[in-house]
Protein backbone atom coordinates (compact mmCIF):
# COMPACT_ATOMS: atom_id res chain seq x y z
CA UNK A 1 0.00 0.00 0.00
CA UNK A 2 1.98 2.98 -1.31
CA UNK A 3 -0.10 6.01 -0.42
CA UNK A 4 2.33 7.32 2.18
CA UNK A 5 5.61 9.10 1.45
CA UNK A 6 8.31 10.84 3.45
CA UNK A 7 9.73 14.19 2.35
CA UNK A 8 13.01 12.45 1.49
CA UNK A 9 11.23 9.97 -0.81
CA UNK A 10 9.45 12.84 -2.56
CA UNK A 11 12.74 14.68 -3.26
CA UNK A 12 13.52 12.25 -6.10
CA UNK A 13 10.27 13.36 -7.81
CA UNK A 14 11.11 17.08 -7.59
CA UNK A 15 9.61 18.87 -10.60
CA UNK A 16 8.43 15.54 -12.06
CA UNK A 17 5.08 13.80 -12.06
CA UNK A 18 4.74 10.34 -10.57
CA UNK A 19 1.96 7.79 -11.01
CA UNK A 20 -0.25 6.33 -8.29
CA UNK A 21 -2.08 3.05 -8.85
CA UNK A 22 -2.88 1.30 -5.58
CA UNK A 23 -5.60 -0.72 -3.91
CA UNK A 24 -6.31 0.38 -0.33
CA UNK A 25 -8.53 -1.41 2.20
CA UNK A 26 -9.83 1.15 4.70
CA UNK A 27 -13.05 -0.70 5.56
CA UNK A 28 -12.28 -0.94 9.28
CA UNK A 29 -11.44 2.78 9.54
CA UNK A 30 -14.63 3.79 7.70
CA UNK A 31 -16.82 1.50 9.81
CA UNK A 32 -15.31 2.88 13.03
CA UNK A 33 -15.95 6.45 11.88
CA UNK A 34 -19.51 6.00 10.58
CA UNK A 35 -21.76 3.37 12.17
CA UNK A 36 -24.07 3.39 9.11
CA UNK A 37 -21.34 1.81 6.97
CA UNK A 38 -21.76 -1.96 7.04
CA UNK A 39 -18.82 -2.80 4.80
CA UNK A 40 -16.69 -1.66 1.88
CA UNK A 41 -14.63 -3.03 -0.94
CA UNK A 42 -10.95 -2.14 -1.20
CA UNK A 43 -10.68 1.27 -2.88
CA UNK A 44 -8.70 1.62 -6.09
CA UNK A 45 -6.70 4.86 -6.09
CA UNK A 46 -5.18 6.13 -9.31
CA UNK A 47 -3.73 9.45 -10.30
CA UNK A 48 -0.58 11.51 -10.34
CA UNK A 49 1.47 13.50 -7.90
CA UNK A 50 4.03 16.24 -8.32
CA UNK A 51 6.44 17.78 -5.81
CA UNK A 52 7.43 21.42 -6.25
CA UNK A 53 8.87 23.99 -3.84
CA UNK A 54 7.77 22.52 -0.53
CA UNK A 55 4.36 21.41 -1.71
CA UNK A 56 3.04 18.20 -3.22
CA UNK A 57 -0.10 18.13 -5.36
CA UNK A 58 -2.08 14.96 -6.05
CA UNK A 59 -4.75 14.46 -8.71
CA UNK A 60 -6.67 11.46 -7.39
CA UNK A 61 -9.36 9.16 -8.70
CA UNK A 62 -10.89 6.91 -6.02
CA UNK A 63 -13.20 4.01 -6.89
CA UNK A 64 -14.85 1.42 -4.68
CA UNK A 65 -18.10 0.31 -3.10
CA UNK A 66 -19.69 0.97 0.28
CA UNK A 67 -22.35 -1.22 1.87
CA UNK A 68 -25.04 1.01 3.41
CA UNK A 69 -28.51 0.28 4.83
CA UNK A 70 -31.60 0.97 2.71
CA UNK A 71 -33.52 3.87 4.26
CA UNK A 72 -36.83 1.98 3.95
CA UNK A 73 -36.07 -1.69 4.40
CA UNK A 74 -32.61 -1.70 6.06
CA UNK A 75 -31.31 -4.30 3.58
CA UNK A 76 -27.71 -3.91 2.40
CA UNK A 77 -27.25 -1.57 -0.57
CA UNK A 78 -23.99 -1.54 -2.51
CA UNK A 79 -23.30 2.15 -3.12
CA UNK A 80 -20.63 2.85 -5.77
CA UNK A 81 -18.00 5.48 -4.95
CA UNK A 82 -16.30 7.26 -7.85
CA UNK A 83 -14.48 10.42 -6.77
CA UNK A 84 -11.99 12.78 -8.36
CA UNK A 85 -10.09 15.29 -6.27
CA UNK A 86 -7.01 17.48 -6.29
CA UNK A 87 -5.26 17.63 -2.93
CA UNK A 88 -2.29 19.80 -1.96
CA UNK A 89 0.08 19.03 0.91
CA UNK A 90 2.64 21.40 2.40
CA UNK A 91 5.98 20.06 3.55
CA UNK A 92 6.98 23.42 5.05
CA UNK A 93 3.85 25.35 6.11
CA UNK A 94 5.87 28.34 7.33
CA UNK A 95 6.88 29.14 3.73
CA UNK A 96 3.32 29.01 2.42
CA UNK A 97 1.57 32.14 1.23
CA UNK A 98 -1.79 31.16 -0.21
CA UNK A 99 -5.31 32.46 -0.21
CA UNK A 100 -7.69 31.92 2.70
CA UNK A 101 -10.16 29.89 0.64
CA UNK A 102 -7.50 27.52 -0.68
CA UNK A 103 -7.59 24.23 1.22
CA UNK A 104 -4.26 22.59 1.89
CA UNK A 105 -3.08 19.77 4.14
CA UNK A 106 0.03 19.97 6.27
CA UNK A 107 2.40 17.01 6.23
CA UNK A 108 2.82 15.60 9.74
CA UNK A 109 6.44 14.87 10.70
CA UNK A 110 7.39 15.43 7.05
CA UNK A 111 5.24 12.45 6.01
CA UNK A 112 2.37 12.65 3.53
CA UNK A 113 -0.36 10.06 4.10
CA UNK A 114 -3.33 9.95 1.71
CA UNK A 115 -5.42 7.61 3.90
CA UNK A 116 -6.99 10.35 6.10
CA UNK A 117 -7.76 12.44 3.01
CA UNK A 118 -9.31 9.44 1.25
CA UNK A 119 -11.45 8.67 4.31
CA UNK A 120 -12.68 12.26 4.44
CA UNK A 121 -13.54 12.33 0.73
CA UNK A 122 -15.40 9.01 0.91
CA UNK A 123 -17.34 9.97 4.05
CA UNK A 124 -18.37 13.29 2.50
CA UNK A 125 -19.66 11.43 -0.58
CA UNK A 126 -22.13 9.28 1.37
CA UNK A 127 -25.72 10.41 0.67
CA UNK A 128 -28.24 11.00 3.44
CA UNK A 129 -30.38 8.09 2.20
CA UNK A 130 -29.89 5.18 -0.16
CA UNK A 131 -32.64 2.88 -1.40
CA UNK A 132 -32.47 -0.72 -2.59
CA UNK A 133 -33.89 -1.52 -6.02
CA UNK A 134 -36.81 -3.36 -4.39
CA UNK A 135 -37.62 -0.34 -2.22
CA UNK A 136 -37.55 1.96 -5.26
CA UNK A 137 -39.95 -0.28 -7.21
CA UNK A 138 -42.14 -1.56 -4.41
CA UNK A 139 -45.08 -0.20 -2.53
CA UNK A 140 -44.31 2.08 0.39
CA UNK A 141 -45.02 0.78 3.91
CA UNK A 142 -48.55 1.29 5.24
CA UNK A 143 -51.18 -0.06 7.64
CA UNK A 144 -54.86 0.73 8.21
CA UNK A 145 -53.98 3.84 10.23
CA UNK A 146 -50.99 5.31 8.38
CA UNK A 147 -48.96 5.20 5.18
CA UNK A 148 -45.65 6.51 3.88
CA UNK A 149 -46.04 8.90 0.94
CA UNK A 150 -43.60 10.18 -1.62
CA UNK A 151 -43.26 13.93 -1.81
CA UNK A 152 -45.27 14.02 -5.06
CA UNK A 153 -48.08 11.96 -3.53
CA UNK A 154 -48.16 14.27 -0.52
CA UNK A 155 -48.38 17.41 -2.69
CA UNK A 156 -51.18 15.84 -4.75
CA UNK A 157 -53.07 14.96 -1.57
CA UNK A 158 -52.64 18.55 -0.28
CA UNK A 159 -54.02 19.98 -3.53
CA UNK A 160 -57.08 17.74 -3.34
CA UNK A 161 -57.65 18.75 0.27
CA UNK A 162 -57.55 22.45 -0.68
CA UNK A 163 -60.18 21.95 -3.41
CA UNK A 164 -62.53 19.95 -1.19
CA UNK A 165 -65.04 22.11 0.65
CA UNK A 166 -65.95 21.28 4.22
CA UNK A 167 -69.60 20.03 4.04
CA UNK A 168 -70.51 22.27 6.98
CA UNK A 169 -69.39 25.28 4.95
CA UNK A 170 -70.89 24.24 1.59
CA UNK A 171 -73.95 26.49 1.95
CA UNK A 172 -71.73 29.41 2.91
CA UNK A 173 -69.61 28.88 -0.19
CA UNK A 174 -72.78 28.95 -2.34
CA UNK A 175 -73.81 32.20 -0.68
CA UNK A 176 -70.53 33.90 -1.63
CA UNK A 177 -70.77 32.56 -5.18
CA UNK A 178 -74.28 34.11 -5.53
CA UNK A 179 -73.12 37.37 -3.96
CA UNK A 180 -70.30 37.81 -6.47
CA UNK A 181 -72.71 37.52 -9.42
C-alpha atoms as a PDB file:
ATOM      1  CA  UNK A   1       0.000   0.000   0.000  1.00  0.00           C
ATOM      2  CA  UNK A   2       1.981   2.980  -1.308  1.00  0.00           C
ATOM      3  CA  UNK A   3      -0.101   6.009  -0.417  1.00  0.00           C
ATOM      4  CA  UNK A   4       2.328   7.316   2.181  1.00  0.00           C
ATOM      5  CA  UNK A   5       5.610   9.101   1.448  1.00  0.00           C
ATOM      6  CA  UNK A   6       8.305  10.842   3.448  1.00  0.00           C
ATOM      7  CA  UNK A   7       9.732  14.191   2.354  1.00  0.00           C
ATOM      8  CA  UNK A   8      13.010  12.449   1.495  1.00  0.00           C
ATOM      9  CA  UNK A   9      11.227   9.968  -0.807  1.00  0.00           C
ATOM     10  CA  UNK A  10       9.452  12.839  -2.557  1.00  0.00           C
ATOM     11  CA  UNK A  11      12.742  14.679  -3.258  1.00  0.00           C
ATOM     12  CA  UNK A  12      13.519  12.254  -6.095  1.00  0.00           C
ATOM     13  CA  UNK A  13      10.270  13.362  -7.807  1.00  0.00           C
ATOM     14  CA  UNK A  14      11.106  17.082  -7.587  1.00  0.00           C
ATOM     15  CA  UNK A  15       9.606  18.872 -10.602  1.00  0.00           C
ATOM     16  CA  UNK A  16       8.430  15.537 -12.059  1.00  0.00           C
ATOM     17  CA  UNK A  17       5.085  13.799 -12.061  1.00  0.00           C
ATOM     18  CA  UNK A  18       4.744  10.337 -10.574  1.00  0.00           C
ATOM     19  CA  UNK A  19       1.963   7.791 -11.007  1.00  0.00           C
ATOM     20  CA  UNK A  20      -0.248   6.334  -8.293  1.00  0.00           C
ATOM     21  CA  UNK A  21      -2.084   3.048  -8.851  1.00  0.00           C
ATOM     22  CA  UNK A  22      -2.879   1.300  -5.580  1.00  0.00           C
ATOM     23  CA  UNK A  23      -5.601  -0.720  -3.908  1.00  0.00           C
ATOM     24  CA  UNK A  24      -6.310   0.375  -0.328  1.00  0.00           C
ATOM     25  CA  UNK A  25      -8.535  -1.406   2.200  1.00  0.00           C
ATOM     26  CA  UNK A  26      -9.833   1.151   4.705  1.00  0.00           C
ATOM     27  CA  UNK A  27     -13.050  -0.697   5.563  1.00  0.00           C
ATOM     28  CA  UNK A  28     -12.282  -0.935   9.277  1.00  0.00           C
ATOM     29  CA  UNK A  29     -11.443   2.784   9.538  1.00  0.00           C
ATOM     30  CA  UNK A  30     -14.626   3.786   7.702  1.00  0.00           C
ATOM     31  CA  UNK A  31     -16.821   1.497   9.814  1.00  0.00           C
ATOM     32  CA  UNK A  32     -15.307   2.884  13.032  1.00  0.00           C
ATOM     33  CA  UNK A  33     -15.946   6.450  11.876  1.00  0.00           C
ATOM     34  CA  UNK A  34     -19.511   5.998  10.585  1.00  0.00           C
ATOM     35  CA  UNK A  35     -21.761   3.368  12.170  1.00  0.00           C
ATOM     36  CA  UNK A  36     -24.070   3.391   9.114  1.00  0.00           C
ATOM     37  CA  UNK A  37     -21.337   1.806   6.966  1.00  0.00           C
ATOM     38  CA  UNK A  38     -21.762  -1.965   7.043  1.00  0.00           C
ATOM     39  CA  UNK A  39     -18.820  -2.795   4.797  1.00  0.00           C
ATOM     40  CA  UNK A  40     -16.691  -1.662   1.881  1.00  0.00           C
ATOM     41  CA  UNK A  41     -14.629  -3.027  -0.942  1.00  0.00           C
ATOM     42  CA  UNK A  42     -10.950  -2.138  -1.205  1.00  0.00           C
ATOM     43  CA  UNK A  43     -10.681   1.266  -2.884  1.00  0.00           C
ATOM     44  CA  UNK A  44      -8.697   1.623  -6.088  1.00  0.00           C
ATOM     45  CA  UNK A  45      -6.702   4.857  -6.094  1.00  0.00           C
ATOM     46  CA  UNK A  46      -5.178   6.129  -9.314  1.00  0.00           C
ATOM     47  CA  UNK A  47      -3.729   9.452 -10.300  1.00  0.00           C
ATOM     48  CA  UNK A  48      -0.584  11.507 -10.339  1.00  0.00           C
ATOM     49  CA  UNK A  49       1.469  13.496  -7.899  1.00  0.00           C
ATOM     50  CA  UNK A  50       4.034  16.239  -8.321  1.00  0.00           C
ATOM     51  CA  UNK A  51       6.438  17.777  -5.814  1.00  0.00           C
ATOM     52  CA  UNK A  52       7.427  21.420  -6.246  1.00  0.00           C
ATOM     53  CA  UNK A  53       8.867  23.989  -3.836  1.00  0.00           C
ATOM     54  CA  UNK A  54       7.767  22.524  -0.525  1.00  0.00           C
ATOM     55  CA  UNK A  55       4.357  21.407  -1.706  1.00  0.00           C
ATOM     56  CA  UNK A  56       3.040  18.199  -3.224  1.00  0.00           C
ATOM     57  CA  UNK A  57      -0.097  18.130  -5.361  1.00  0.00           C
ATOM     58  CA  UNK A  58      -2.081  14.964  -6.054  1.00  0.00           C
ATOM     59  CA  UNK A  59      -4.751  14.464  -8.714  1.00  0.00           C
ATOM     60  CA  UNK A  60      -6.665  11.461  -7.393  1.00  0.00           C
ATOM     61  CA  UNK A  61      -9.364   9.158  -8.703  1.00  0.00           C
ATOM     62  CA  UNK A  62     -10.886   6.913  -6.017  1.00  0.00           C
ATOM     63  CA  UNK A  63     -13.203   4.015  -6.887  1.00  0.00           C
ATOM     64  CA  UNK A  64     -14.847   1.421  -4.684  1.00  0.00           C
ATOM     65  CA  UNK A  65     -18.103   0.306  -3.103  1.00  0.00           C
ATOM     66  CA  UNK A  66     -19.689   0.975   0.276  1.00  0.00           C
ATOM     67  CA  UNK A  67     -22.350  -1.224   1.868  1.00  0.00           C
ATOM     68  CA  UNK A  68     -25.038   1.008   3.406  1.00  0.00           C
ATOM     69  CA  UNK A  69     -28.506   0.280   4.830  1.00  0.00           C
ATOM     70  CA  UNK A  70     -31.598   0.967   2.715  1.00  0.00           C
ATOM     71  CA  UNK A  71     -33.517   3.873   4.256  1.00  0.00           C
ATOM     72  CA  UNK A  72     -36.833   1.983   3.954  1.00  0.00           C
ATOM     73  CA  UNK A  73     -36.066  -1.694   4.401  1.00  0.00           C
ATOM     74  CA  UNK A  74     -32.607  -1.701   6.061  1.00  0.00           C
ATOM     75  CA  UNK A  75     -31.307  -4.304   3.583  1.00  0.00           C
ATOM     76  CA  UNK A  76     -27.713  -3.907   2.401  1.00  0.00           C
ATOM     77  CA  UNK A  77     -27.255  -1.572  -0.565  1.00  0.00           C
ATOM     78  CA  UNK A  78     -23.990  -1.544  -2.511  1.00  0.00           C
ATOM     79  CA  UNK A  79     -23.298   2.148  -3.122  1.00  0.00           C
ATOM     80  CA  UNK A  80     -20.628   2.855  -5.773  1.00  0.00           C
ATOM     81  CA  UNK A  81     -17.999   5.475  -4.948  1.00  0.00           C
ATOM     82  CA  UNK A  82     -16.301   7.258  -7.854  1.00  0.00           C
ATOM     83  CA  UNK A  83     -14.476  10.419  -6.770  1.00  0.00           C
ATOM     84  CA  UNK A  84     -11.992  12.776  -8.362  1.00  0.00           C
ATOM     85  CA  UNK A  85     -10.094  15.289  -6.274  1.00  0.00           C
ATOM     86  CA  UNK A  86      -7.011  17.477  -6.293  1.00  0.00           C
ATOM     87  CA  UNK A  87      -5.264  17.631  -2.927  1.00  0.00           C
ATOM     88  CA  UNK A  88      -2.291  19.795  -1.955  1.00  0.00           C
ATOM     89  CA  UNK A  89       0.084  19.028   0.907  1.00  0.00           C
ATOM     90  CA  UNK A  90       2.637  21.399   2.396  1.00  0.00           C
ATOM     91  CA  UNK A  91       5.979  20.056   3.549  1.00  0.00           C
ATOM     92  CA  UNK A  92       6.977  23.418   5.048  1.00  0.00           C
ATOM     93  CA  UNK A  93       3.852  25.348   6.113  1.00  0.00           C
ATOM     94  CA  UNK A  94       5.867  28.343   7.331  1.00  0.00           C
ATOM     95  CA  UNK A  95       6.882  29.143   3.730  1.00  0.00           C
ATOM     96  CA  UNK A  96       3.319  29.012   2.421  1.00  0.00           C
ATOM     97  CA  UNK A  97       1.568  32.144   1.226  1.00  0.00           C
ATOM     98  CA  UNK A  98      -1.789  31.160  -0.208  1.00  0.00           C
ATOM     99  CA  UNK A  99      -5.308  32.463  -0.209  1.00  0.00           C
ATOM    100  CA  UNK A 100      -7.691  31.923   2.697  1.00  0.00           C
ATOM    101  CA  UNK A 101     -10.156  29.893   0.640  1.00  0.00           C
ATOM    102  CA  UNK A 102      -7.501  27.519  -0.676  1.00  0.00           C
ATOM    103  CA  UNK A 103      -7.592  24.235   1.219  1.00  0.00           C
ATOM    104  CA  UNK A 104      -4.257  22.587   1.889  1.00  0.00           C
ATOM    105  CA  UNK A 105      -3.083  19.767   4.135  1.00  0.00           C
ATOM    106  CA  UNK A 106       0.029  19.971   6.269  1.00  0.00           C
ATOM    107  CA  UNK A 107       2.396  17.006   6.231  1.00  0.00           C
ATOM    108  CA  UNK A 108       2.816  15.596   9.737  1.00  0.00           C
ATOM    109  CA  UNK A 109       6.441  14.868  10.698  1.00  0.00           C
ATOM    110  CA  UNK A 110       7.393  15.426   7.047  1.00  0.00           C
ATOM    111  CA  UNK A 111       5.240  12.452   6.005  1.00  0.00           C
ATOM    112  CA  UNK A 112       2.367  12.651   3.534  1.00  0.00           C
ATOM    113  CA  UNK A 113      -0.356  10.060   4.095  1.00  0.00           C
ATOM    114  CA  UNK A 114      -3.326   9.948   1.705  1.00  0.00           C
ATOM    115  CA  UNK A 115      -5.423   7.609   3.896  1.00  0.00           C
ATOM    116  CA  UNK A 116      -6.992  10.348   6.100  1.00  0.00           C
ATOM    117  CA  UNK A 117      -7.760  12.436   3.006  1.00  0.00           C
ATOM    118  CA  UNK A 118      -9.315   9.439   1.245  1.00  0.00           C
ATOM    119  CA  UNK A 119     -11.452   8.668   4.313  1.00  0.00           C
ATOM    120  CA  UNK A 120     -12.682  12.256   4.445  1.00  0.00           C
ATOM    121  CA  UNK A 121     -13.543  12.334   0.733  1.00  0.00           C
ATOM    122  CA  UNK A 122     -15.398   9.011   0.910  1.00  0.00           C
ATOM    123  CA  UNK A 123     -17.339   9.970   4.053  1.00  0.00           C
ATOM    124  CA  UNK A 124     -18.373  13.287   2.496  1.00  0.00           C
ATOM    125  CA  UNK A 125     -19.656  11.434  -0.583  1.00  0.00           C
ATOM    126  CA  UNK A 126     -22.129   9.280   1.369  1.00  0.00           C
ATOM    127  CA  UNK A 127     -25.715  10.408   0.665  1.00  0.00           C
ATOM    128  CA  UNK A 128     -28.238  11.001   3.443  1.00  0.00           C
ATOM    129  CA  UNK A 129     -30.382   8.095   2.197  1.00  0.00           C
ATOM    130  CA  UNK A 130     -29.895   5.177  -0.163  1.00  0.00           C
ATOM    131  CA  UNK A 131     -32.640   2.876  -1.404  1.00  0.00           C
ATOM    132  CA  UNK A 132     -32.470  -0.718  -2.588  1.00  0.00           C
ATOM    133  CA  UNK A 133     -33.888  -1.521  -6.019  1.00  0.00           C
ATOM    134  CA  UNK A 134     -36.805  -3.363  -4.393  1.00  0.00           C
ATOM    135  CA  UNK A 135     -37.624  -0.339  -2.225  1.00  0.00           C
ATOM    136  CA  UNK A 136     -37.546   1.964  -5.263  1.00  0.00           C
ATOM    137  CA  UNK A 137     -39.949  -0.277  -7.210  1.00  0.00           C
ATOM    138  CA  UNK A 138     -42.139  -1.564  -4.414  1.00  0.00           C
ATOM    139  CA  UNK A 139     -45.075  -0.197  -2.527  1.00  0.00           C
ATOM    140  CA  UNK A 140     -44.309   2.076   0.386  1.00  0.00           C
ATOM    141  CA  UNK A 141     -45.023   0.775   3.906  1.00  0.00           C
ATOM    142  CA  UNK A 142     -48.555   1.291   5.240  1.00  0.00           C
ATOM    143  CA  UNK A 143     -51.182  -0.060   7.640  1.00  0.00           C
ATOM    144  CA  UNK A 144     -54.856   0.733   8.207  1.00  0.00           C
ATOM    145  CA  UNK A 145     -53.975   3.838  10.228  1.00  0.00           C
ATOM    146  CA  UNK A 146     -50.985   5.309   8.378  1.00  0.00           C
ATOM    147  CA  UNK A 147     -48.956   5.199   5.183  1.00  0.00           C
ATOM    148  CA  UNK A 148     -45.647   6.508   3.881  1.00  0.00           C
ATOM    149  CA  UNK A 149     -46.038   8.902   0.943  1.00  0.00           C
ATOM    150  CA  UNK A 150     -43.596  10.181  -1.625  1.00  0.00           C
ATOM    151  CA  UNK A 151     -43.259  13.935  -1.812  1.00  0.00           C
ATOM    152  CA  UNK A 152     -45.267  14.022  -5.065  1.00  0.00           C
ATOM    153  CA  UNK A 153     -48.076  11.960  -3.528  1.00  0.00           C
ATOM    154  CA  UNK A 154     -48.156  14.272  -0.525  1.00  0.00           C
ATOM    155  CA  UNK A 155     -48.379  17.411  -2.690  1.00  0.00           C
ATOM    156  CA  UNK A 156     -51.178  15.843  -4.748  1.00  0.00           C
ATOM    157  CA  UNK A 157     -53.072  14.965  -1.566  1.00  0.00           C
ATOM    158  CA  UNK A 158     -52.645  18.550  -0.276  1.00  0.00           C
ATOM    159  CA  UNK A 159     -54.021  19.985  -3.534  1.00  0.00           C
ATOM    160  CA  UNK A 160     -57.085  17.738  -3.342  1.00  0.00           C
ATOM    161  CA  UNK A 161     -57.649  18.752   0.269  1.00  0.00           C
ATOM    162  CA  UNK A 162     -57.549  22.448  -0.676  1.00  0.00           C
ATOM    163  CA  UNK A 163     -60.179  21.953  -3.405  1.00  0.00           C
ATOM    164  CA  UNK A 164     -62.528  19.947  -1.191  1.00  0.00           C
ATOM    165  CA  UNK A 165     -65.038  22.114   0.653  1.00  0.00           C
ATOM    166  CA  UNK A 166     -65.952  21.280   4.222  1.00  0.00           C
ATOM    167  CA  UNK A 167     -69.597  20.033   4.041  1.00  0.00           C
ATOM    168  CA  UNK A 168     -70.512  22.269   6.976  1.00  0.00           C
ATOM    169  CA  UNK A 169     -69.390  25.278   4.946  1.00  0.00           C
ATOM    170  CA  UNK A 170     -70.885  24.243   1.587  1.00  0.00           C
ATOM    171  CA  UNK A 171     -73.952  26.491   1.948  1.00  0.00           C
ATOM    172  CA  UNK A 172     -71.731  29.411   2.914  1.00  0.00           C
ATOM    173  CA  UNK A 173     -69.606  28.877  -0.195  1.00  0.00           C
ATOM    174  CA  UNK A 174     -72.777  28.945  -2.342  1.00  0.00           C
ATOM    175  CA  UNK A 175     -73.810  32.203  -0.675  1.00  0.00           C
ATOM    176  CA  UNK A 176     -70.529  33.902  -1.627  1.00  0.00           C
ATOM    177  CA  UNK A 177     -70.774  32.562  -5.180  1.00  0.00           C
ATOM    178  CA  UNK A 178     -74.279  34.109  -5.529  1.00  0.00           C
ATOM    179  CA  UNK A 179     -73.122  37.373  -3.963  1.00  0.00           C
ATOM    180  CA  UNK A 180     -70.298  37.805  -6.473  1.00  0.00           C
ATOM    181  CA  UNK A 181     -72.709  37.522  -9.419  1.00  0.00           C
END
